[in-house]
C-alpha atoms as a PDB file:
ATOM      1  CA  MET A   1     -19.971 -17.703   9.702  1.00  0.00           C
ATOM      2  CA  VAL A   2     -17.157 -16.921   7.429  1.00  0.00           C
ATOM      3  CA  PHE A   3     -15.292 -19.657   5.367  1.00  0.00           C
ATOM      4  CA  TRP A   4     -12.260 -20.087   8.192  1.00  0.00           C
ATOM      5  CA  GLU A   5     -14.478 -20.474  10.599  1.00  0.00           C
ATOM      6  CA  GLY A   6     -13.707 -23.985  13.225  1.00  0.00           C
ATOM      7  CA  TYR A   7      -9.828 -23.796  10.900  1.00  0.00           C
ATOM      8  CA  LEU A   8      -7.769 -20.275  11.759  1.00  0.00           C
ATOM      9  CA  SER A   9      -9.139 -17.783  14.454  1.00  0.00           C
ATOM     10  CA  ASP A  10      -9.793 -14.271  13.564  1.00  0.00           C
ATOM     11  CA  GLU A  11      -6.183 -13.123  14.739  1.00  0.00           C
ATOM     12  CA  ALA A  12      -4.688 -15.608  12.381  1.00  0.00           C
ATOM     13  CA  MET A  13      -6.080 -14.720   9.329  1.00  0.00           C
ATOM     14  CA  GLY A  14      -6.169 -11.001   9.847  1.00  0.00           C
ATOM     15  CA  THR A  15      -2.348 -11.394  10.064  1.00  0.00           C
ATOM     16  CA  PHE A  16      -2.225 -14.449   6.473  1.00  0.00           C
ATOM     17  CA  ALA A  17      -4.567 -13.374   4.979  1.00  0.00           C
ATOM     18  CA  PRO A  18      -3.160 -10.350   3.387  1.00  0.00           C
ATOM     19  CA  ILE A  19       0.283 -12.064   3.241  1.00  0.00           C
ATOM     20  CA  VAL A  20      -1.699 -14.658   0.756  1.00  0.00           C
ATOM     21  CA  VAL A  21      -3.614 -11.784  -0.808  1.00  0.00           C
ATOM     22  CA  TYR A  22      -0.554  -9.438  -1.585  1.00  0.00           C
ATOM     23  CA  TRP A  23       1.144 -12.290  -3.986  1.00  0.00           C
ATOM     24  CA  LEU A  24      -2.219 -13.744  -5.639  1.00  0.00           C
ATOM     25  CA  TYR A  25      -3.302  -9.637  -6.870  1.00  0.00           C
ATOM     26  CA  ALA A  26       0.679  -9.036  -7.296  1.00  0.00           C
ATOM     27  CA  GLY A  27       1.063 -12.490  -9.512  1.00  0.00           C
ATOM     28  CA  MET A  28      -1.610 -12.228 -11.073  1.00  0.00           C
ATOM     29  CA  TYR A  29      -0.390  -8.946 -12.475  1.00  0.00           C
ATOM     30  CA  GLN A  30       3.480 -10.825 -13.115  1.00  0.00           C
ATOM     31  CA  ILE A  31       1.552 -12.964 -15.287  1.00  0.00           C
ATOM     32  CA  LEU A  32      -0.472 -10.559 -17.480  1.00  0.00           C
ATOM     33  CA  PRO A  33       1.049 -10.030 -21.438  1.00  0.00           C
ATOM     34  CA  PRO A  34       3.307  -7.060 -21.867  1.00  0.00           C
ATOM     35  CA  LEU A  35       0.295  -4.298 -22.225  1.00  0.00           C
ATOM     36  CA  ASP A  36       2.769  -1.974 -23.781  1.00  0.00           C
ATOM     37  CA  ARG A  37      -0.121   0.416 -24.802  1.00  0.00           C
ATOM     38  CA  TYR A  38      -1.320   0.398 -20.697  1.00  0.00           C
ATOM     39  CA  ARG A  39       2.300   0.768 -19.096  1.00  0.00           C
ATOM     40  CA  MET A  40       3.323   4.298 -16.996  1.00  0.00           C
ATOM     41  CA  HIS A  41       6.383   3.454 -18.083  1.00  0.00           C
ATOM     42  CA  THR A  42       8.219   1.170 -21.399  1.00  0.00           C
ATOM     43  CA  ARG A  43       9.536  -1.970 -20.708  1.00  0.00           C
ATOM     44  CA  LYS A  44      13.204  -0.068 -21.230  1.00  0.00           C
ATOM     45  CA  GLU A  45      12.945   2.118 -18.367  1.00  0.00           C
ATOM     46  CA  GLU A  46      11.982  -0.452 -16.139  1.00  0.00           C
ATOM     47  CA  GLU A  47      15.344  -2.259 -16.766  1.00  0.00           C
ATOM     48  CA  GLN A  48      17.353   0.810 -16.763  1.00  0.00           C
ATOM     49  CA  LYS A  49      16.115   2.552 -14.192  1.00  0.00           C
ATOM     50  CA  ASN A  50      15.691  -0.173 -11.448  1.00  0.00           C
ATOM     51  CA  LEU A  51      18.354  -0.354  -8.946  1.00  0.00           C
ATOM     52  CA  VAL A  52      17.622  -3.759  -7.956  1.00  0.00           C
ATOM     53  CA  PRO A  53      16.544  -6.792  -9.415  1.00  0.00           C
ATOM     54  CA  ILE A  54      13.340  -8.826  -9.299  1.00  0.00           C
ATOM     55  CA  SER A  55      15.343 -11.903  -7.186  1.00  0.00           C
ATOM     56  CA  LEU A  56      16.248  -9.218  -4.867  1.00  0.00           C
ATOM     57  CA  VAL A  57      12.913  -7.411  -4.591  1.00  0.00           C
ATOM     58  CA  ILE A  58      10.396 -10.649  -3.425  1.00  0.00           C
ATOM     59  CA  LYS A  59      13.315 -11.670  -1.170  1.00  0.00           C
ATOM     60  CA  GLY A  60      12.921  -8.626   0.314  1.00  0.00           C
ATOM     61  CA  VAL A  61       8.812  -7.966   0.161  1.00  0.00           C
ATOM     62  CA  LEU A  62       9.318 -12.086   2.195  1.00  0.00           C
ATOM     63  CA  LEU A  63      11.621 -10.546   4.835  1.00  0.00           C
ATOM     64  CA  GLN A  64       9.231  -8.122   5.435  1.00  0.00           C
ATOM     65  CA  GLN A  65       6.403  -9.575   5.574  1.00  0.00           C
ATOM     66  CA  LEU A  66       7.868 -12.488   8.167  1.00  0.00           C
ATOM     67  CA  VAL A  67       8.925 -10.067  10.031  1.00  0.00           C
ATOM     68  CA  GLN A  68       4.960  -7.908  10.101  1.00  0.00           C
ATOM     69  CA  ALA A  69       3.557 -11.643  10.767  1.00  0.00           C
ATOM     70  CA  THR A  70       5.778 -11.662  14.026  1.00  0.00           C
ATOM     71  CA  VAL A  71       5.327  -8.590  14.746  1.00  0.00           C
ATOM     72  CA  ALA A  72       1.306  -8.442  14.085  1.00  0.00           C
ATOM     73  CA  GLN A  73       0.620 -11.852  16.056  1.00  0.00           C
ATOM     74  CA  ALA A  74       2.391 -10.318  19.253  1.00  0.00           C
ATOM     75  CA  LEU A  75       0.373  -7.262  18.559  1.00  0.00           C
ATOM     76  CA  PHE A  76      -3.440  -9.016  18.433  1.00  0.00           C
ATOM     77  CA  TRP A  77      -1.877 -11.189  21.800  1.00  0.00           C
ATOM     78  CA  MET A  78      -1.183  -7.760  23.298  1.00  0.00           C
ATOM     79  CA  THR A  79      -4.010  -6.464  22.771  1.00  0.00           C
ATOM     80  CA  SER A  80      -6.148  -8.930  23.541  1.00  0.00           C
ATOM     81  CA  ARG A  81      -4.480  -9.561  27.234  1.00  0.00           C
ATOM     82  CA  ALA A  82      -4.479  -6.043  27.675  1.00  0.00           C
ATOM     83  CA  GLY A  83      -8.862  -6.278  27.493  1.00  0.00           C
ATOM     84  CA  LEU A  84      -8.224  -3.357  24.045  1.00  0.00           C
ATOM     85  CA  THR A  85     -10.027  -6.024  22.373  1.00  0.00           C
ATOM     86  CA  GLY A  86     -12.313  -9.004  22.618  1.00  0.00           C
ATOM     87  CA  VAL A  87     -15.602  -7.617  20.840  1.00  0.00           C
ATOM     88  CA  THR A  88     -16.868 -10.835  19.019  1.00  0.00           C
ATOM     89  CA  VAL A  89     -20.088  -9.268  17.877  1.00  0.00           C
ATOM     90  CA  GLN A  90     -20.362  -8.567  14.162  1.00  0.00           C
ATOM     91  CA  ALA A  91     -22.231  -5.049  13.524  1.00  0.00           C
ATOM     92  CA  SER A  92     -24.710  -4.667  11.283  1.00  0.00           C
ATOM     93  CA  LEU A  93     -23.131  -3.965   7.117  1.00  0.00           C
ATOM     94  CA  ALA A  94     -23.550   0.167   7.928  1.00  0.00           C
ATOM     95  CA  VAL A  95     -21.484  -0.087  10.760  1.00  0.00           C
ATOM     96  CA  GLN A  96     -18.579  -2.118   9.881  1.00  0.00           C
ATOM     97  CA  ALA A  97     -18.960   0.672   6.417  1.00  0.00           C
ATOM     98  CA  LEU A  98     -18.017   3.057   8.938  1.00  0.00           C
ATOM     99  CA  GLN A  99     -15.387   1.399  10.469  1.00  0.00           C
ATOM    100  CA  ILE A 100     -13.537   0.697   7.909  1.00  0.00           C
ATOM    101  CA  LEU A 101     -13.885   4.006   6.602  1.00  0.00           C
ATOM    102  CA  ILE A 102     -12.589   5.166   9.884  1.00  0.00           C
ATOM    103  CA  ALA A 103      -9.470   3.006   9.877  1.00  0.00           C
ATOM    104  CA  MET A 104      -8.908   4.360   6.303  1.00  0.00           C
ATOM    105  CA  PHE A 105      -8.572   7.470   7.394  1.00  0.00           C
ATOM    106  CA  VAL A 106      -6.129   7.115  10.260  1.00  0.00           C
ATOM    107  CA  MET A 107      -4.294   4.619   8.509  1.00  0.00           C
ATOM    108  CA  ASP A 108      -3.493   7.996   5.891  1.00  0.00           C
ATOM    109  CA  THR A 109      -2.959  10.038   8.788  1.00  0.00           C
ATOM    110  CA  TRP A 110      -0.651   8.020   9.908  1.00  0.00           C
ATOM    111  CA  GLN A 111       1.108   6.700   6.800  1.00  0.00           C
ATOM    112  CA  TYR A 112       1.101  10.618   5.369  1.00  0.00           C
ATOM    113  CA  PHE A 113       3.327  12.063   8.390  1.00  0.00           C
ATOM    114  CA  VAL A 114       5.432   8.890   8.626  1.00  0.00           C
ATOM    115  CA  HIS A 115       6.300   9.054   4.966  1.00  0.00           C
ATOM    116  CA  ARG A 116       6.961  12.321   4.268  1.00  0.00           C
ATOM    117  CA  TYR A 117       8.814  12.178   8.325  1.00  0.00           C
ATOM    118  CA  MET A 118      11.451   9.594   5.979  1.00  0.00           C
ATOM    119  CA  HIS A 119      11.835  11.494   3.099  1.00  0.00           C
ATOM    120  CA  GLN A 120      12.584  14.687   4.961  1.00  0.00           C
ATOM    121  CA  ASN A 121      15.060  13.026   7.805  1.00  0.00           C
ATOM    122  CA  LYS A 122      18.100  12.341   5.724  1.00  0.00           C
ATOM    123  CA  PHE A 123      19.140   9.945   8.038  1.00  0.00           C
ATOM    124  CA  LEU A 124      15.931   7.892   7.950  1.00  0.00           C
ATOM    125  CA  TYR A 125      15.943   8.303   3.889  1.00  0.00           C
ATOM    126  CA  ARG A 126      19.176   6.993   3.274  1.00  0.00           C
ATOM    127  CA  HIS A 127      19.191   3.820   5.978  1.00  0.00           C
ATOM    128  CA  ILE A 128      15.799   3.054   5.139  1.00  0.00           C
ATOM    129  CA  HIS A 129      12.977   4.587   2.980  1.00  0.00           C
ATOM    130  CA  SER A 130      15.319   4.724  -0.075  1.00  0.00           C
ATOM    131  CA  GLN A 131      15.305   0.974  -0.175  1.00  0.00           C
ATOM    132  CA  HIS A 132      11.640   1.130  -1.435  1.00  0.00           C
ATOM    133  CA  HIS A 133      12.526   4.048  -4.196  1.00  0.00           C
ATOM    134  CA  ARG A 134      15.278   1.724  -5.954  1.00  0.00           C
ATOM    135  CA  LEU A 135      12.050   1.191  -7.264  1.00  0.00           C
ATOM    136  CA  VAL A 136      12.415   4.162 -10.293  1.00  0.00           C
ATOM    137  CA  VAL A 137       9.487   1.926 -11.966  1.00  0.00           C
ATOM    138  CA  PRO A 138       7.282   0.451  -9.651  1.00  0.00           C
ATOM    139  CA  TYR A 139       5.608  -2.950 -10.571  1.00  0.00           C
ATOM    140  CA  ALA A 140       3.164  -4.974  -8.780  1.00  0.00           C
ATOM    141  CA  ILE A 141       5.389  -6.978  -6.699  1.00  0.00           C
ATOM    142  CA  GLY A 142       7.563  -4.326  -5.006  1.00  0.00           C
ATOM    143  CA  ALA A 143       4.490  -2.436  -3.890  1.00  0.00           C
ATOM    144  CA  LEU A 144       6.052  -3.520  -0.257  1.00  0.00           C
ATOM    145  CA  TYR A 145       9.845  -3.883  -0.905  1.00  0.00           C
ATOM    146  CA  ASN A 146      10.117  -1.299   2.223  1.00  0.00           C
ATOM    147  CA  HIS A 147      12.853  -2.024   4.766  1.00  0.00           C
ATOM    148  CA  PRO A 148      11.330  -4.242   7.534  1.00  0.00           C
ATOM    149  CA  LEU A 149      11.228  -1.220  10.306  1.00  0.00           C
ATOM    150  CA  GLU A 150       9.754   0.577   7.793  1.00  0.00           C
ATOM    151  CA  GLY A 151       7.489  -2.223   6.931  1.00  0.00           C
ATOM    152  CA  LEU A 152       6.546  -1.970  10.752  1.00  0.00           C
ATOM    153  CA  LEU A 153       6.312   1.414  11.279  1.00  0.00           C
ATOM    154  CA  LEU A 154       3.568   2.023   8.180  1.00  0.00           C
ATOM    155  CA  ASP A 155       1.805  -0.949   7.447  1.00  0.00           C
ATOM    156  CA  THR A 156       2.321  -2.844  10.684  1.00  0.00           C
ATOM    157  CA  PHE A 157       1.925  -0.079  13.478  1.00  0.00           C
ATOM    158  CA  GLY A 158      -0.168   1.989  11.132  1.00  0.00           C
ATOM    159  CA  GLY A 159      -2.498  -1.313  10.683  1.00  0.00           C
ATOM    160  CA  ALA A 160      -2.844  -1.661  14.419  1.00  0.00           C
ATOM    161  CA  LEU A 161      -3.881   2.073  14.805  1.00  0.00           C
ATOM    162  CA  SER A 162      -6.361   1.907  12.587  1.00  0.00           C
ATOM    163  CA  TYR A 163      -8.127  -1.266  14.210  1.00  0.00           C
ATOM    164  CA  LEU A 164      -7.972  -0.224  17.708  1.00  0.00           C
ATOM    165  CA  VAL A 165      -9.273   3.059  16.524  1.00  0.00           C
ATOM    166  CA  SER A 166     -12.245   2.603  14.514  1.00  0.00           C
ATOM    167  CA  GLY A 167     -13.357  -0.190  16.893  1.00  0.00           C
ATOM    168  CA  MET A 168     -13.756  -2.721  14.005  1.00  0.00           C
ATOM    169  CA  THR A 169     -13.661  -6.623  15.272  1.00  0.00           C
ATOM    170  CA  GLU A 170     -11.065  -8.957  13.802  1.00  0.00           C
ATOM    171  CA  ARG A 171     -13.380 -10.531  11.234  1.00  0.00           C
ATOM    172  CA  THR A 172     -13.600  -6.694  10.123  1.00  0.00           C
ATOM    173  CA  ALA A 173     -10.152  -6.068   9.760  1.00  0.00           C
ATOM    174  CA  VAL A 174      -9.751  -9.094   7.759  1.00  0.00           C
ATOM    175  CA  VAL A 175     -11.103  -7.050   5.192  1.00  0.00           C
ATOM    176  CA  PHE A 176      -9.911  -4.398   5.992  1.00  0.00           C
ATOM    177  CA  PHE A 177      -6.000  -5.281   5.701  1.00  0.00           C
ATOM    178  CA  CYS A 178      -6.764  -7.620   2.250  1.00  0.00           C
ATOM    179  CA  PHE A 179      -8.289  -4.289   0.977  1.00  0.00           C
ATOM    180  CA  ALA A 180      -5.173  -2.001   1.785  1.00  0.00           C
ATOM    181  CA  VAL A 181      -3.311  -4.855   0.219  1.00  0.00           C
ATOM    182  CA  VAL A 182      -5.032  -5.158  -2.818  1.00  0.00           C
ATOM    183  CA  LYS A 183      -5.019  -1.381  -3.323  1.00  0.00           C
ATOM    184  CA  THR A 184      -1.769  -0.881  -2.560  1.00  0.00           C
ATOM    185  CA  VAL A 185      -0.620  -3.467  -4.744  1.00  0.00           C
ATOM    186  CA  ASP A 186      -2.459  -1.616  -7.102  1.00  0.00           C
ATOM    187  CA  ASP A 187      -1.217   2.279  -6.597  1.00  0.00           C
ATOM    188  CA  HIS A 188       2.365   0.026  -7.766  1.00  0.00           C
ATOM    189  CA  CYS A 189       1.065  -2.238 -10.426  1.00  0.00           C
ATOM    190  CA  GLY A 190       2.475   0.361 -13.170  1.00  0.00           C
ATOM    191  CA  LEU A 191      -0.460  -0.005 -15.547  1.00  0.00           C
ATOM    192  CA  TRP A 192      -3.158   2.278 -16.785  1.00  0.00           C
ATOM    193  CA  LEU A 193      -5.605  -0.950 -17.255  1.00  0.00           C
ATOM    194  CA  PRO A 194      -9.423   0.709 -18.244  1.00  0.00           C
ATOM    195  CA  GLY A 195     -11.973  -0.069 -16.590  1.00  0.00           C
ATOM    196  CA  ASN A 196      -9.757  -0.114 -13.001  1.00  0.00           C
ATOM    197  CA  ILE A 197     -12.522   0.289 -10.473  1.00  0.00           C
ATOM    198  CA  PHE A 198      -9.386   2.193  -8.843  1.00  0.00           C
ATOM    199  CA  HIS A 199      -8.477   4.626 -10.716  1.00  0.00           C
ATOM    200  CA  LEU A 200     -12.024   5.499 -10.701  1.00  0.00           C
ATOM    201  CA  VAL A 201     -12.719   5.753  -7.229  1.00  0.00           C
ATOM    202  CA  PHE A 202      -9.416   7.114  -6.043  1.00  0.00           C
ATOM    203  CA  GLN A 203      -7.111   9.958  -6.625  1.00  0.00           C
ATOM    204  CA  ASN A 204      -4.869   8.683  -5.417  1.00  0.00           C
ATOM    205  CA  ASN A 205      -4.429   5.667  -7.726  1.00  0.00           C
ATOM    206  CA  THR A 206      -1.481   4.536 -10.208  1.00  0.00           C
ATOM    207  CA  ALA A 207      -0.505   7.470 -12.059  1.00  0.00           C
ATOM    208  CA  TYR A 208      -0.702   9.763  -8.405  1.00  0.00           C
ATOM    209  CA  HIS A 209       1.928   7.574  -6.760  1.00  0.00           C
ATOM    210  CA  ASP A 210       4.057   6.803 -10.028  1.00  0.00           C
ATOM    211  CA  ILE A 211       4.304  10.888  -9.744  1.00  0.00           C
ATOM    212  CA  HIS A 212       6.204   9.936  -6.496  1.00  0.00           C
ATOM    213  CA  HIS A 213       8.702   8.079  -7.315  1.00  0.00           C
ATOM    214  CA  GLN A 214       9.746  10.192 -10.165  1.00  0.00           C
ATOM    215  CA  LEU A 215      12.654  12.504  -9.753  1.00  0.00           C
ATOM    216  CA  GLN A 216      10.874  15.997  -9.596  1.00  0.00           C
ATOM    217  CA  GLY A 217       7.585  14.434  -7.497  1.00  0.00           C
ATOM    218  CA  THR A 218      10.076  12.511  -4.445  1.00  0.00           C
ATOM    219  CA  LYS A 219       8.877  15.452  -2.654  1.00  0.00           C
ATOM    220  CA  TYR A 220       5.189  15.346  -3.679  1.00  0.00           C
ATOM    221  CA  ASN A 221       2.492  13.008  -3.250  1.00  0.00           C
ATOM    222  CA  TYR A 222       3.228  11.580  -0.108  1.00  0.00           C
ATOM    223  CA  SER A 223      -0.341   9.913   0.746  1.00  0.00           C
ATOM    224  CA  GLN A 224      -1.357   6.468   0.908  1.00  0.00           C
ATOM    225  CA  PRO A 225      -2.604   4.276   0.298  1.00  0.00           C
ATOM    226  CA  PHE A 226      -6.271   5.877  -0.136  1.00  0.00           C
ATOM    227  CA  PHE A 227      -6.715   9.294  -0.568  1.00  0.00           C
ATOM    228  CA  ALA A 228      -4.759  12.893  -1.196  1.00  0.00           C
ATOM    229  CA  ILE A 229      -6.202  14.992   1.700  1.00  0.00           C
ATOM    230  CA  TRP A 230      -3.317  15.956   3.465  1.00  0.00           C
ATOM    231  CA  ASP A 231      -0.865  15.928   0.376  1.00  0.00           C
ATOM    232  CA  LYS A 232      -3.602  19.015  -1.001  1.00  0.00           C
ATOM    233  CA  LEU A 233      -3.948  20.180   2.869  1.00  0.00           C
ATOM    234  CA  LEU A 234      -0.320  20.445   3.757  1.00  0.00           C
ATOM    235  CA  GLY A 235       0.399  21.763   0.213  1.00  0.00           C
ATOM    236  CA  THR A 236       2.939  18.747  -0.774  1.00  0.00           C
ATOM    237  CA  HIS A 237      -0.287  17.868  -3.525  1.00  0.00           C
ATOM    238  CA  MET A 238       1.899  17.940  -7.059  1.00  0.00           C
ATOM    239  CA  PRO A 239      -0.944  17.329 -10.070  1.00  0.00           C
ATOM    240  CA  TYR A 240      -0.448  15.523 -13.303  1.00  0.00           C
ATOM    241  CA  SER A 241      -1.653  15.219 -16.750  1.00  0.00           C
ATOM    242  CA  LEU A 242      -1.664  11.604 -17.807  1.00  0.00           C
ATOM    243  CA  VAL A 243      -0.597  12.026 -21.651  1.00  0.00           C
ATOM    244  CA  LYS A 244      -0.024   9.036 -24.384  1.00  0.00           C
ATOM    245  CA  ARG A 245       3.385   8.206 -25.332  1.00  0.00           C
ATOM    246  CA  PRO A 246       3.682   7.790 -29.360  1.00  0.00           C
ATOM    247  CA  GLU A 247       5.369   4.123 -28.605  1.00  0.00           C
ATOM    248  CA  GLY A 248       1.767   3.546 -27.152  1.00  0.00           C
ATOM    249  CA  GLY A 249       1.528   3.584 -22.936  1.00  0.00           C
ATOM    250  CA  PHE A 250       0.800   6.561 -20.925  1.00  0.00           C
ATOM    251  CA  GLU A 251       2.629   9.162 -19.145  1.00  0.00           C
ATOM    252  CA  ALA A 252       2.275  10.955 -15.755  1.00  0.00           C
ATOM    253  CA  ARG A 253       3.043  14.515 -16.182  1.00  0.00           C
ATOM    254  CA  PRO A 254       3.201  17.024 -13.663  1.00  0.00           C
ATOM    255  CA  VAL A 255       1.687  20.313 -14.406  1.00  0.00           C
ATOM    256  CA  LYS A 256       1.807  23.766 -12.484  1.00  0.00           C
ATOM    257  CA  ASP A 257      -1.315  23.433  -9.197  1.00  0.00           C
END
């Protein structure tokens, strides 16, 4: 039994809960005080380097989420009609945990290769993926500031593949998709906060992804959102050292592998 039972279907919850979680979690970061001593970049750098104002970022994220929600509902309907889903009995917690782990690996694999290709293909980078890199200094609300087509390829189709391959139910998928959204927002938050569990558990974290958004790292650290496996296996891993800036805050500096 879950709190939305009787009000929303699991399919609808799997589509709309991640959107709500995105704005709640990203909004939490947005309303925090400046926290200059934990920032990966100074506020001056954010103002000077970012190429798009926050108002357009918010509009871009909302547009992407509208497109994704529409396509996600269509995909749920098609997979259900095709008999690819329909499992309603929840597995044990151990099995669900394994399914989520499998889904994490599938999503990482899909997103690594699509993301990397968008950097290698000049047309795709110029007309699609470069939109995300207008935020040279990432922040939480801009985590999903992508071209709508990129959102479909990376997130919607990657999520659908993870869901189908793992064999999880729609109800388990709600947990997985919300977790993936929280992790993605955290990777773009621009803050190195003490005690952040994602920084302790995952090597692919805020500093790791910050390297990718910098000029010297655009051809490295493609992995998202969970592990750094493919970067390390395929030679696109750029290690870094996290150092304190004299004026406060932190800086992720690339080091030789």
